[in-house]
Structures are given as structure tokens and as C-alpha cells.
N, C-alpha and C. Protein backbone atom coordinates (compact mmCIF):
# COMPACT_ATOMS: atom_id res chain seq x y z
N MET A 1 -29.95 -55.50 -59.74
CA MET A 1 -30.94 -56.09 -58.84
C MET A 1 -31.98 -55.01 -58.50
N PRO A 2 -33.24 -55.28 -58.71
CA PRO A 2 -34.25 -54.26 -58.44
C PRO A 2 -34.35 -53.95 -56.95
N GLU A 3 -34.53 -52.66 -56.66
CA GLU A 3 -34.65 -52.25 -55.27
C GLU A 3 -35.97 -52.71 -54.68
N LYS A 4 -35.91 -53.12 -53.41
CA LYS A 4 -37.12 -53.55 -52.72
C LYS A 4 -37.99 -52.35 -52.40
N LYS A 5 -39.25 -52.53 -52.50
CA LYS A 5 -40.17 -51.47 -52.17
C LYS A 5 -40.23 -51.32 -50.65
N LEU A 6 -40.08 -50.07 -50.18
CA LEU A 6 -40.07 -49.81 -48.74
C LEU A 6 -41.44 -50.07 -48.14
N SER A 7 -41.45 -50.87 -47.09
CA SER A 7 -42.70 -51.16 -46.39
C SER A 7 -42.38 -51.43 -44.94
N LEU A 8 -43.42 -51.56 -44.13
CA LEU A 8 -43.21 -51.83 -42.71
C LEU A 8 -42.51 -53.16 -42.49
N ALA A 9 -42.59 -54.07 -43.47
CA ALA A 9 -42.00 -55.39 -43.31
C ALA A 9 -40.49 -55.34 -43.42
N ASN A 10 -39.98 -54.43 -44.27
CA ASN A 10 -38.52 -54.38 -44.45
C ASN A 10 -37.91 -53.07 -43.93
N LEU A 11 -38.64 -52.31 -43.08
CA LEU A 11 -38.14 -51.06 -42.52
C LEU A 11 -37.09 -51.36 -41.46
N GLN A 12 -35.92 -50.74 -41.56
CA GLN A 12 -34.84 -50.93 -40.60
C GLN A 12 -33.97 -49.68 -40.54
N PRO A 13 -33.26 -49.46 -39.42
CA PRO A 13 -32.45 -48.25 -39.29
C PRO A 13 -31.27 -48.27 -40.25
N ALA A 14 -30.77 -47.07 -40.56
CA ALA A 14 -29.64 -46.96 -41.49
C ALA A 14 -28.38 -47.56 -40.89
N GLN A 15 -28.17 -47.38 -39.56
CA GLN A 15 -27.02 -47.95 -38.88
C GLN A 15 -27.49 -49.07 -37.96
N PRO A 16 -26.67 -50.12 -37.83
CA PRO A 16 -27.09 -51.21 -36.92
C PRO A 16 -27.22 -50.71 -35.50
N ARG A 17 -28.25 -51.12 -34.80
CA ARG A 17 -28.47 -50.71 -33.42
C ARG A 17 -27.48 -51.39 -32.50
N LYS A 18 -27.06 -50.66 -31.50
CA LYS A 18 -26.13 -51.21 -30.53
C LYS A 18 -26.80 -51.14 -29.16
N ASP A 19 -27.00 -52.26 -28.57
CA ASP A 19 -27.64 -52.31 -27.26
C ASP A 19 -26.72 -51.68 -26.21
N ARG A 20 -27.31 -50.93 -25.28
CA ARG A 20 -26.52 -50.33 -24.23
C ARG A 20 -26.03 -51.39 -23.26
N LYS A 21 -24.93 -51.10 -22.58
CA LYS A 21 -24.34 -52.04 -21.65
C LYS A 21 -25.18 -52.08 -20.38
N ARG A 22 -25.69 -53.26 -20.04
CA ARG A 22 -26.49 -53.43 -18.84
C ARG A 22 -25.61 -54.12 -17.79
N VAL A 23 -25.30 -53.35 -16.71
CA VAL A 23 -24.38 -53.86 -15.70
C VAL A 23 -25.17 -54.26 -14.47
N GLY A 24 -24.53 -55.11 -13.65
CA GLY A 24 -25.14 -55.52 -12.40
C GLY A 24 -26.32 -56.45 -12.58
N ARG A 25 -26.28 -57.29 -13.59
CA ARG A 25 -27.40 -58.22 -13.86
C ARG A 25 -26.97 -59.67 -13.68
N GLY A 26 -26.10 -59.91 -12.67
CA GLY A 26 -25.70 -61.28 -12.38
C GLY A 26 -24.38 -61.65 -13.03
N PRO A 27 -23.70 -62.65 -12.48
CA PRO A 27 -22.38 -63.05 -13.03
C PRO A 27 -22.45 -63.57 -14.45
N GLY A 28 -23.57 -64.11 -14.87
CA GLY A 28 -23.67 -64.65 -16.22
C GLY A 28 -23.66 -63.57 -17.29
N SER A 29 -23.96 -62.32 -16.93
CA SER A 29 -24.01 -61.25 -17.93
C SER A 29 -22.63 -60.74 -18.31
N GLY A 30 -21.60 -61.09 -17.49
CA GLY A 30 -20.26 -60.60 -17.76
C GLY A 30 -19.98 -59.25 -17.13
N LYS A 31 -21.01 -58.58 -16.65
CA LYS A 31 -20.84 -57.27 -15.99
C LYS A 31 -21.58 -57.27 -14.66
N GLY A 32 -21.47 -58.39 -13.94
CA GLY A 32 -22.16 -58.49 -12.66
C GLY A 32 -21.23 -58.16 -11.51
N ARG A 33 -21.72 -58.28 -10.33
CA ARG A 33 -21.01 -58.06 -9.07
C ARG A 33 -20.42 -56.65 -8.97
N TYR A 34 -19.27 -56.38 -9.61
CA TYR A 34 -18.66 -55.06 -9.50
C TYR A 34 -19.01 -54.15 -10.68
N SER A 35 -19.78 -54.64 -11.63
CA SER A 35 -20.27 -53.85 -12.76
C SER A 35 -19.15 -53.18 -13.56
N GLY A 36 -18.02 -53.87 -13.69
CA GLY A 36 -16.93 -53.35 -14.51
C GLY A 36 -16.10 -52.28 -13.85
N ARG A 37 -16.32 -52.00 -12.55
CA ARG A 37 -15.58 -50.93 -11.87
C ARG A 37 -14.37 -51.45 -11.09
N GLY A 38 -14.16 -52.75 -11.04
CA GLY A 38 -13.07 -53.27 -10.25
C GLY A 38 -13.46 -53.35 -8.78
N ILE A 39 -12.45 -53.48 -7.91
CA ILE A 39 -12.71 -53.64 -6.48
C ILE A 39 -12.27 -52.39 -5.74
N LYS A 40 -13.23 -51.68 -5.18
CA LYS A 40 -12.99 -50.52 -4.34
C LYS A 40 -12.10 -49.47 -5.02
N GLY A 41 -11.65 -48.51 -4.24
CA GLY A 41 -10.78 -47.47 -4.76
C GLY A 41 -11.54 -46.28 -5.31
N GLN A 42 -10.79 -45.24 -5.67
CA GLN A 42 -11.40 -43.99 -6.12
C GLN A 42 -12.23 -44.17 -7.38
N LYS A 43 -11.73 -44.96 -8.32
CA LYS A 43 -12.42 -45.08 -9.61
C LYS A 43 -13.67 -45.95 -9.53
N SER A 44 -13.92 -46.56 -8.38
CA SER A 44 -15.14 -47.33 -8.22
C SER A 44 -16.27 -46.48 -7.66
N ARG A 45 -15.95 -45.24 -7.27
CA ARG A 45 -16.94 -44.38 -6.65
C ARG A 45 -17.65 -43.51 -7.68
N ALA A 46 -18.84 -43.06 -7.29
CA ALA A 46 -19.59 -42.17 -8.15
C ALA A 46 -18.89 -40.82 -8.25
N GLY A 47 -18.87 -40.25 -9.45
CA GLY A 47 -18.25 -38.95 -9.66
C GLY A 47 -16.74 -38.99 -9.74
N SER A 48 -16.14 -40.18 -9.82
CA SER A 48 -14.68 -40.28 -9.84
C SER A 48 -14.08 -39.78 -11.14
N HIS A 49 -14.88 -39.67 -12.21
CA HIS A 49 -14.35 -39.22 -13.50
C HIS A 49 -14.68 -37.76 -13.76
N LYS A 50 -15.03 -37.06 -12.70
CA LYS A 50 -15.36 -35.63 -12.85
C LYS A 50 -14.48 -34.80 -11.92
N MET A 51 -13.18 -35.10 -11.91
CA MET A 51 -12.26 -34.36 -11.07
C MET A 51 -12.02 -32.97 -11.67
N ARG A 52 -11.86 -32.00 -10.80
CA ARG A 52 -11.60 -30.64 -11.27
C ARG A 52 -10.21 -30.55 -11.90
N ALA A 53 -10.02 -29.56 -12.72
CA ALA A 53 -8.74 -29.36 -13.39
C ALA A 53 -7.66 -29.07 -12.36
N GLY A 54 -6.53 -29.75 -12.48
CA GLY A 54 -5.43 -29.54 -11.56
C GLY A 54 -5.43 -30.47 -10.37
N PHE A 55 -6.49 -31.31 -10.22
CA PHE A 55 -6.54 -32.23 -9.09
C PHE A 55 -5.59 -33.39 -9.34
N GLU A 56 -4.73 -33.70 -8.35
CA GLU A 56 -3.72 -34.74 -8.50
C GLU A 56 -3.89 -35.83 -7.46
N GLY A 57 -5.13 -36.14 -7.14
CA GLY A 57 -5.36 -37.26 -6.24
C GLY A 57 -5.07 -36.96 -4.79
N GLY A 58 -4.95 -35.73 -4.43
CA GLY A 58 -4.69 -35.38 -3.05
C GLY A 58 -3.28 -34.93 -2.78
N GLN A 59 -2.34 -35.27 -3.68
CA GLN A 59 -0.97 -34.80 -3.47
C GLN A 59 -0.89 -33.30 -3.81
N MET A 60 0.18 -32.68 -3.39
CA MET A 60 0.34 -31.25 -3.62
C MET A 60 0.35 -30.96 -5.12
N PRO A 61 -0.62 -30.21 -5.64
CA PRO A 61 -0.68 -29.98 -7.09
C PRO A 61 0.47 -29.10 -7.57
N ILE A 62 0.72 -29.15 -8.86
CA ILE A 62 1.89 -28.47 -9.42
C ILE A 62 1.78 -26.97 -9.29
N TYR A 63 0.56 -26.42 -9.35
CA TYR A 63 0.45 -24.97 -9.26
C TYR A 63 0.74 -24.47 -7.85
N MET A 64 0.80 -25.37 -6.87
CA MET A 64 1.19 -24.99 -5.52
C MET A 64 2.65 -25.34 -5.24
N ARG A 65 3.22 -26.21 -6.07
CA ARG A 65 4.61 -26.61 -5.86
C ARG A 65 5.59 -25.62 -6.47
N ILE A 66 5.21 -24.99 -7.57
CA ILE A 66 6.13 -24.09 -8.24
C ILE A 66 6.12 -22.71 -7.59
N GLY A 67 7.15 -21.92 -7.87
CA GLY A 67 7.26 -20.58 -7.28
C GLY A 67 6.25 -19.62 -7.89
N LYS A 68 5.95 -18.58 -7.17
CA LYS A 68 5.00 -17.58 -7.62
C LYS A 68 5.71 -16.24 -7.85
N VAL A 69 5.18 -15.48 -8.77
CA VAL A 69 5.70 -14.14 -9.02
C VAL A 69 4.89 -13.17 -8.18
N ARG A 70 5.54 -12.55 -7.23
CA ARG A 70 4.84 -11.66 -6.32
C ARG A 70 4.95 -10.22 -6.78
N GLY A 71 4.28 -9.36 -6.08
CA GLY A 71 4.41 -7.93 -6.33
C GLY A 71 3.48 -7.43 -7.41
N SER A 72 3.90 -6.35 -8.08
CA SER A 72 3.03 -5.67 -9.04
C SER A 72 2.82 -6.48 -10.31
N THR A 73 3.61 -7.54 -10.54
CA THR A 73 3.44 -8.36 -11.73
C THR A 73 2.42 -9.47 -11.53
N SER A 74 1.93 -9.64 -10.32
CA SER A 74 0.94 -10.68 -10.06
C SER A 74 -0.42 -10.27 -10.60
N LYS A 75 -1.17 -11.22 -11.10
CA LYS A 75 -2.49 -10.90 -11.66
C LYS A 75 -3.47 -10.48 -10.56
N ASP A 76 -3.12 -10.76 -9.30
CA ASP A 76 -3.99 -10.39 -8.20
C ASP A 76 -3.69 -8.99 -7.67
N ALA A 77 -2.64 -8.35 -8.20
CA ALA A 77 -2.25 -7.04 -7.70
C ALA A 77 -3.07 -5.97 -8.40
N TYR A 78 -4.26 -5.70 -7.89
CA TYR A 78 -5.16 -4.72 -8.51
C TYR A 78 -4.77 -3.32 -8.08
N PRO A 79 -4.73 -2.31 -8.94
CA PRO A 79 -4.98 -2.43 -10.37
C PRO A 79 -3.71 -2.50 -11.19
N VAL A 80 -2.59 -2.92 -10.58
CA VAL A 80 -1.31 -2.90 -11.27
C VAL A 80 -1.09 -4.16 -12.09
N GLY A 81 -1.78 -5.24 -11.77
CA GLY A 81 -1.53 -6.52 -12.41
C GLY A 81 -1.75 -6.49 -13.91
N PRO A 82 -1.21 -7.48 -14.64
CA PRO A 82 -1.28 -7.46 -16.10
C PRO A 82 -2.68 -7.63 -16.66
N PHE A 83 -3.61 -8.23 -15.88
CA PHE A 83 -4.95 -8.49 -16.40
C PHE A 83 -6.00 -7.60 -15.76
N ARG A 84 -5.59 -6.68 -14.92
CA ARG A 84 -6.55 -5.82 -14.25
C ARG A 84 -6.11 -4.37 -14.39
N THR A 85 -6.94 -3.54 -14.96
CA THR A 85 -6.61 -2.14 -15.09
C THR A 85 -7.81 -1.32 -14.63
N ALA A 86 -7.52 -0.13 -14.12
CA ALA A 86 -8.59 0.73 -13.65
C ALA A 86 -9.21 1.52 -14.79
N THR A 87 -8.48 1.68 -15.91
CA THR A 87 -8.97 2.44 -17.06
C THR A 87 -8.64 1.72 -18.36
N GLN A 88 -9.38 2.08 -19.41
CA GLN A 88 -9.08 1.57 -20.75
C GLN A 88 -8.19 2.58 -21.46
N PRO A 89 -6.99 2.19 -21.89
CA PRO A 89 -6.11 3.14 -22.55
C PRO A 89 -6.50 3.35 -24.01
N VAL A 90 -6.49 4.61 -24.44
CA VAL A 90 -6.71 4.98 -25.84
C VAL A 90 -5.60 5.94 -26.22
N ASN A 91 -4.91 5.66 -27.32
CA ASN A 91 -3.80 6.50 -27.75
C ASN A 91 -4.27 7.57 -28.73
N LEU A 92 -3.48 8.63 -28.83
CA LEU A 92 -3.82 9.73 -29.74
C LEU A 92 -3.90 9.27 -31.19
N ARG A 93 -3.05 8.31 -31.57
CA ARG A 93 -3.05 7.85 -32.96
C ARG A 93 -4.38 7.21 -33.34
N ASP A 94 -5.12 6.70 -32.35
CA ASP A 94 -6.43 6.09 -32.65
C ASP A 94 -7.49 7.14 -32.99
N LEU A 95 -7.26 8.40 -32.59
CA LEU A 95 -8.26 9.44 -32.82
C LEU A 95 -8.20 10.00 -34.24
N GLU A 96 -7.25 9.52 -35.04
CA GLU A 96 -7.17 9.97 -36.43
C GLU A 96 -8.35 9.47 -37.25
N ARG A 97 -9.13 8.54 -36.70
CA ARG A 97 -10.32 8.05 -37.40
C ARG A 97 -11.45 9.08 -37.40
N PHE A 98 -11.36 10.04 -36.50
CA PHE A 98 -12.41 11.06 -36.42
C PHE A 98 -12.12 12.19 -37.41
N GLU A 99 -13.17 12.89 -37.78
CA GLU A 99 -13.02 14.06 -38.64
C GLU A 99 -12.75 15.29 -37.78
N ALA A 100 -12.16 16.32 -38.41
CA ALA A 100 -11.84 17.55 -37.69
C ALA A 100 -13.13 18.18 -37.16
N GLY A 101 -13.11 18.57 -35.90
CA GLY A 101 -14.26 19.18 -35.28
C GLY A 101 -15.19 18.21 -34.60
N ASP A 102 -14.94 16.91 -34.70
CA ASP A 102 -15.80 15.91 -34.06
C ASP A 102 -15.64 15.95 -32.54
N GLU A 103 -16.66 15.43 -31.87
CA GLU A 103 -16.61 15.30 -30.42
C GLU A 103 -16.28 13.85 -30.08
N VAL A 104 -15.21 13.66 -29.35
CA VAL A 104 -14.74 12.31 -28.98
C VAL A 104 -15.24 12.00 -27.58
N THR A 105 -16.15 11.04 -27.48
CA THR A 105 -16.69 10.58 -26.21
C THR A 105 -16.52 9.06 -26.12
N PRO A 106 -16.70 8.47 -24.94
CA PRO A 106 -16.62 7.00 -24.85
C PRO A 106 -17.60 6.31 -25.80
N GLU A 107 -18.81 6.88 -25.97
CA GLU A 107 -19.78 6.28 -26.88
C GLU A 107 -19.30 6.36 -28.33
N ALA A 108 -18.66 7.49 -28.69
CA ALA A 108 -18.14 7.65 -30.05
C ALA A 108 -16.98 6.69 -30.30
N LEU A 109 -16.18 6.43 -29.27
CA LEU A 109 -15.07 5.48 -29.41
C LEU A 109 -15.59 4.07 -29.66
N VAL A 110 -16.73 3.73 -29.04
CA VAL A 110 -17.33 2.41 -29.27
C VAL A 110 -17.86 2.32 -30.71
N GLU A 111 -18.48 3.39 -31.20
CA GLU A 111 -19.01 3.39 -32.57
C GLU A 111 -17.89 3.23 -33.60
N LYS A 112 -16.73 3.80 -33.33
CA LYS A 112 -15.60 3.71 -34.25
C LYS A 112 -14.86 2.38 -34.13
N GLY A 113 -15.25 1.55 -33.15
CA GLY A 113 -14.60 0.26 -32.97
C GLY A 113 -13.31 0.32 -32.19
N ILE A 114 -13.01 1.45 -31.56
CA ILE A 114 -11.78 1.58 -30.77
C ILE A 114 -11.95 0.89 -29.42
N LEU A 115 -13.14 1.00 -28.83
CA LEU A 115 -13.46 0.33 -27.57
C LEU A 115 -14.59 -0.66 -27.78
N LYS A 116 -14.68 -1.63 -26.88
CA LYS A 116 -15.75 -2.63 -26.95
C LYS A 116 -17.01 -2.15 -26.23
N ASN A 117 -16.81 -1.46 -25.11
CA ASN A 117 -17.96 -0.99 -24.34
C ASN A 117 -17.54 0.20 -23.50
N THR A 118 -18.49 0.75 -22.78
CA THR A 118 -18.22 1.92 -21.95
C THR A 118 -18.28 1.60 -20.47
N LYS A 119 -18.05 0.35 -20.11
CA LYS A 119 -18.15 -0.06 -18.71
C LYS A 119 -16.97 0.46 -17.88
N ILE A 120 -15.80 0.63 -18.52
CA ILE A 120 -14.60 1.04 -17.81
C ILE A 120 -14.22 2.46 -18.24
N ASP A 121 -13.70 3.24 -17.32
CA ASP A 121 -13.29 4.61 -17.62
C ASP A 121 -12.22 4.63 -18.71
N VAL A 122 -12.18 5.72 -19.46
CA VAL A 122 -11.26 5.86 -20.59
C VAL A 122 -10.16 6.85 -20.21
N LYS A 123 -8.91 6.47 -20.50
CA LYS A 123 -7.78 7.37 -20.29
C LYS A 123 -7.05 7.56 -21.61
N LEU A 124 -6.84 8.80 -21.99
CA LEU A 124 -6.17 9.13 -23.24
C LEU A 124 -4.68 9.24 -23.00
N LEU A 125 -3.90 8.47 -23.78
CA LEU A 125 -2.45 8.47 -23.67
C LEU A 125 -1.82 9.17 -24.87
N GLY A 126 -0.57 9.55 -24.74
CA GLY A 126 0.06 10.40 -25.75
C GLY A 126 0.84 9.69 -26.83
N THR A 127 0.62 8.40 -27.05
CA THR A 127 1.34 7.69 -28.11
C THR A 127 0.79 8.09 -29.47
N GLY A 128 1.67 8.52 -30.37
CA GLY A 128 1.24 8.96 -31.70
C GLY A 128 1.08 10.47 -31.75
N GLU A 129 0.63 10.95 -32.91
CA GLU A 129 0.43 12.38 -33.12
C GLU A 129 -1.02 12.66 -33.47
N LEU A 130 -1.46 13.88 -33.20
CA LEU A 130 -2.83 14.31 -33.51
C LEU A 130 -2.74 15.53 -34.42
N SER A 131 -3.37 15.42 -35.59
CA SER A 131 -3.30 16.50 -36.58
C SER A 131 -4.64 17.19 -36.78
N LYS A 132 -5.62 16.92 -35.90
CA LYS A 132 -6.96 17.48 -36.08
C LYS A 132 -7.41 18.17 -34.80
N LYS A 133 -8.29 19.12 -34.97
CA LYS A 133 -8.89 19.81 -33.83
C LYS A 133 -10.11 19.04 -33.37
N LEU A 134 -10.05 18.49 -32.17
CA LEU A 134 -11.12 17.65 -31.66
C LEU A 134 -11.55 18.13 -30.28
N THR A 135 -12.81 17.87 -29.97
CA THR A 135 -13.32 18.11 -28.63
C THR A 135 -13.37 16.76 -27.92
N ILE A 136 -12.51 16.59 -26.94
CA ILE A 136 -12.33 15.28 -26.32
C ILE A 136 -12.94 15.29 -24.92
N LYS A 137 -13.79 14.27 -24.65
CA LYS A 137 -14.40 14.10 -23.34
C LYS A 137 -14.09 12.69 -22.85
N VAL A 138 -13.13 12.59 -21.96
CA VAL A 138 -12.71 11.31 -21.40
C VAL A 138 -12.61 11.44 -19.89
N HIS A 139 -12.33 10.32 -19.24
CA HIS A 139 -12.28 10.32 -17.77
C HIS A 139 -10.92 10.77 -17.24
N ALA A 140 -9.85 10.50 -18.01
CA ALA A 140 -8.51 10.87 -17.56
C ALA A 140 -7.63 11.06 -18.79
N ILE A 141 -6.55 11.80 -18.63
CA ILE A 141 -5.64 12.08 -19.74
C ILE A 141 -4.24 12.27 -19.19
N SER A 142 -3.25 11.81 -19.95
CA SER A 142 -1.87 11.98 -19.51
C SER A 142 -1.38 13.39 -19.86
N ALA A 143 -0.29 13.79 -19.25
CA ALA A 143 0.24 15.13 -19.48
C ALA A 143 0.71 15.29 -20.92
N GLY A 144 1.33 14.24 -21.48
CA GLY A 144 1.80 14.32 -22.86
C GLY A 144 0.66 14.42 -23.85
N ALA A 145 -0.42 13.67 -23.59
CA ALA A 145 -1.57 13.72 -24.48
C ALA A 145 -2.25 15.09 -24.42
N ARG A 146 -2.35 15.66 -23.24
CA ARG A 146 -2.97 16.97 -23.09
C ARG A 146 -2.20 18.03 -23.88
N GLU A 147 -0.88 17.95 -23.82
CA GLU A 147 -0.05 18.92 -24.53
C GLU A 147 -0.26 18.83 -26.04
N LYS A 148 -0.34 17.61 -26.57
CA LYS A 148 -0.50 17.43 -28.01
C LYS A 148 -1.89 17.85 -28.48
N VAL A 149 -2.91 17.57 -27.67
CA VAL A 149 -4.27 17.96 -28.05
C VAL A 149 -4.40 19.48 -28.09
N GLU A 150 -3.87 20.15 -27.09
CA GLU A 150 -3.94 21.61 -27.06
C GLU A 150 -3.10 22.22 -28.17
N LYS A 151 -2.00 21.57 -28.54
CA LYS A 151 -1.16 22.06 -29.63
C LYS A 151 -1.89 21.99 -30.96
N ALA A 152 -2.75 20.96 -31.11
CA ALA A 152 -3.53 20.80 -32.34
C ALA A 152 -4.77 21.68 -32.34
N GLY A 153 -5.01 22.44 -31.26
CA GLY A 153 -6.15 23.34 -31.20
C GLY A 153 -7.39 22.74 -30.59
N GLY A 154 -7.29 21.54 -30.06
CA GLY A 154 -8.46 20.87 -29.49
C GLY A 154 -8.69 21.26 -28.05
N SER A 155 -9.80 20.77 -27.51
CA SER A 155 -10.16 21.05 -26.12
C SER A 155 -10.41 19.73 -25.40
N ILE A 156 -10.24 19.78 -24.09
CA ILE A 156 -10.36 18.56 -23.27
C ILE A 156 -11.33 18.83 -22.13
N GLU A 157 -12.19 17.86 -21.90
CA GLU A 157 -13.12 17.93 -20.77
C GLU A 157 -13.08 16.59 -20.05
N LEU A 158 -12.76 16.63 -18.76
CA LEU A 158 -12.68 15.40 -17.97
C LEU A 158 -14.06 15.05 -17.43
N LEU A 159 -14.49 13.82 -17.67
CA LEU A 159 -15.80 13.37 -17.21
C LEU A 159 -15.79 13.03 -15.73
N ARG A 160 -14.62 12.84 -15.18
CA ARG A 160 -14.52 12.50 -13.76
C ARG A 160 -13.20 13.04 -13.24
N GLU A 161 -13.25 13.67 -12.10
CA GLU A 161 -12.03 14.20 -11.54
C GLU A 161 -11.13 13.07 -11.06
N ALA A 162 -9.85 13.25 -11.30
CA ALA A 162 -8.89 12.23 -10.89
C ALA A 162 -8.85 12.12 -9.38
N LYS A 163 -8.79 10.90 -8.91
CA LYS A 163 -8.72 10.67 -7.47
C LYS A 163 -7.30 10.90 -6.99
N GLU A 164 -7.20 11.60 -5.87
CA GLU A 164 -5.88 11.85 -5.31
C GLU A 164 -5.39 10.59 -4.61
N LYS A 165 -4.12 10.30 -4.85
CA LYS A 165 -3.55 9.12 -4.22
C LYS A 165 -3.31 9.40 -2.74
N LYS A 166 -3.69 8.43 -1.93
CA LYS A 166 -3.48 8.58 -0.50
C LYS A 166 -2.03 8.24 -0.16
N VAL A 167 -1.35 9.18 0.41
CA VAL A 167 0.04 8.97 0.79
C VAL A 167 0.09 8.84 2.30
N ARG A 168 0.65 7.74 2.70
CA ARG A 168 0.77 7.50 4.14
C ARG A 168 2.05 8.13 4.67
N HIS A 169 1.91 9.01 5.63
CA HIS A 169 3.08 9.64 6.24
C HIS A 169 3.35 8.97 7.58
N ARG A 170 4.58 8.65 7.77
CA ARG A 170 4.94 8.05 9.06
C ARG A 170 4.98 9.14 10.13
N ALA A 171 4.42 8.82 11.26
CA ALA A 171 4.40 9.79 12.35
C ALA A 171 5.82 10.06 12.83
N ALA A 172 6.17 11.35 12.87
CA ALA A 172 7.52 11.72 13.29
C ALA A 172 7.69 11.44 14.79
N LYS A 173 8.84 10.92 15.11
CA LYS A 173 9.09 10.62 16.51
C LYS A 173 9.28 11.93 17.28
N PRO A 174 8.65 12.07 18.43
CA PRO A 174 8.80 13.32 19.20
C PRO A 174 10.24 13.52 19.62
N ALA A 175 10.74 14.73 19.36
CA ALA A 175 12.14 15.02 19.71
C ALA A 175 12.31 15.03 21.22
N ALA A 176 13.41 14.50 21.65
CA ALA A 176 13.66 14.45 23.10
C ALA A 176 13.79 15.86 23.64
N ALA A 177 13.09 16.10 24.74
CA ALA A 177 13.11 17.45 25.34
C ALA A 177 14.53 17.79 25.80
N GLU A 178 14.99 18.96 25.33
CA GLU A 178 16.34 19.36 25.68
C GLU A 178 16.36 19.88 27.12
N GLU A 179 17.19 19.28 27.92
CA GLU A 179 17.29 19.69 29.31
C GLU A 179 18.25 20.87 29.42
N PRO A 180 17.89 21.90 30.16
CA PRO A 180 18.80 23.04 30.30
C PRO A 180 20.08 22.63 31.00
N GLU A 181 21.15 23.09 30.42
CA GLU A 181 22.44 22.75 30.99
C GLU A 181 22.60 23.44 32.35
N THR A 182 22.98 22.69 33.33
CA THR A 182 23.20 23.25 34.68
C THR A 182 24.68 23.24 34.99
N GLU A 183 25.15 24.34 35.48
CA GLU A 183 26.57 24.42 35.80
C GLU A 183 26.86 23.63 37.07
N ALA A 184 27.91 22.86 37.00
CA ALA A 184 28.31 22.07 38.17
C ALA A 184 28.82 23.00 39.25
N PRO A 185 28.43 22.77 40.47
CA PRO A 185 28.91 23.66 41.56
C PRO A 185 30.42 23.58 41.71
N GLU A 186 31.03 24.73 41.83
CA GLU A 186 32.48 24.74 41.95
C GLU A 186 32.91 24.26 43.34
N ALA A 187 33.98 23.54 43.39
CA ALA A 187 34.48 23.04 44.67
C ALA A 187 35.06 24.20 45.48
N PRO A 188 34.76 24.28 46.75
CA PRO A 188 35.30 25.40 47.56
C PRO A 188 36.81 25.36 47.63
N GLU A 189 37.41 26.51 47.37
CA GLU A 189 38.86 26.56 47.41
C GLU A 189 39.36 26.55 48.86
N ALA A 190 40.39 25.83 49.05
CA ALA A 190 40.97 25.76 50.42
C ALA A 190 41.60 27.11 50.79
N GLU A 191 41.27 27.60 51.99
CA GLU A 191 41.81 28.88 52.42
C GLU A 191 43.32 28.77 52.68
N ALA A 192 44.01 29.70 52.11
CA ALA A 192 45.48 29.67 52.28
C ALA A 192 45.83 30.13 53.71
N THR A 193 46.62 29.35 54.36
CA THR A 193 47.07 29.70 55.73
C THR A 193 48.58 29.67 55.80
N ASP A 194 49.08 30.46 56.66
CA ASP A 194 50.54 30.52 56.80
C ASP A 194 51.07 29.34 57.62
N GLU A 195 50.13 28.71 58.36
CA GLU A 195 50.59 27.59 59.20
C GLU A 195 50.88 26.37 58.38
N ALA A 196 51.99 25.70 58.67
CA ALA A 196 52.34 24.48 57.97
C ALA A 196 51.58 23.34 58.59
N PRO A 197 51.29 22.36 57.87
CA PRO A 197 50.57 21.23 58.43
C PRO A 197 51.39 20.52 59.46
N ALA A 198 50.72 20.12 60.54
CA ALA A 198 51.46 19.44 61.61
C ALA A 198 51.92 18.08 61.16
N SER A 199 53.19 17.76 61.50
CA SER A 199 53.73 16.46 61.10
C SER A 199 53.37 15.42 62.12
N GLU A 200 53.09 14.29 61.65
CA GLU A 200 52.71 13.21 62.57
C GLU A 200 53.99 12.63 63.18
N GLU A 201 53.96 12.49 64.48
CA GLU A 201 55.13 11.89 65.14
C GLU A 201 54.97 10.39 65.26
């Protein structure tokens, strides 16, 4: 069958058009009066289908019903929590990507792909071994890492002095004042007399 020549007379969309649903246009339209929302209630209100995640209609949500892990394992325990750290850890084994004599700085670590950015301070940890002499400039370093770097002939320069931890000391209770011991006065001794006590008649 020969194809029809395209013209304005036979121009039509590739997919059949679907008219949008027009609500509230009288009972004869099939979507009048309540416009398909039913009678009253939460789902008849505007914004009822945009509830926040975890919303359970007003009842106590599950994240408040279950127990919580408190202490240093909580994500809110800064900086001890699992998702919050004060420094970015870098291990000695990661420094093997550098050549002997290179200078290791936070910017150099980003270039090597070890770190993503330099927004957080860098702390060098002692996991792994170091077989090269490097000049390392980081914000903090562990005692084990320092020992291995110096053993390999490298040098370390801290970009920021470590902050001293504040230790709270409990105020000692004042010792009770010792009262000087006072000798009790001795009872006067009865004078010895030769006279016998008079007997009562």
C-alpha cells in the first residue's frame, strides 16, 4: 500500500493524545462534588501525598520506638562517633606511592588520590611500613608512625600543634582541721585521814 504524502490534512501525533482529567465539573462528569478525593480525612487535604519520610500519621514513629545506642558509638558523639572525625587518617603504607626524597603535604596527598580534599586536618598513622626517605608535613602523627618515619631517615613537620586535652580535676575536699588533744583534768584524790567514817545510827 503506497504511503500517504505528509500534509497538514493528515498530520497527527505519533501517540494518541490523552485528555487530562478535569475534576469538579459537575456530577455528570463523573469527577464532580468531591473530585475523586472521597469524603474528608487526611487524603482529601492538599499536600496529603507529600508526607516526610518516617511519618506514621501521628503515631509514635519506629525510629522513636526502638532503642538507641548511646555513648561513643552514637553518630552524634563528636568527634568519637563513627561518621564524625576530627582528622583524616593516612597510613604509612599509602606513602609508598611517593618517590624517595619527595615532600608529602596535604596537597600532594590529594594529587596522588589518597585524599579527596584538604578541608580536614591530616593525621599520619603507623599501619604498614615505610621504605623511603620522605619529608612529611601533616597536622598530626602517631607515635608509631613517627618512629617508623625517623627509622627510614625521613623528617616530620607538624602543620599545627596538637591541642592539649582539658582534664577536669575534682576539687579536693578540705581536710578537717585537727583539734589539739586536750588532757582531761584529773579528779582530785581524796585526802587520806585516819578517822573512820561515822556510822549512821
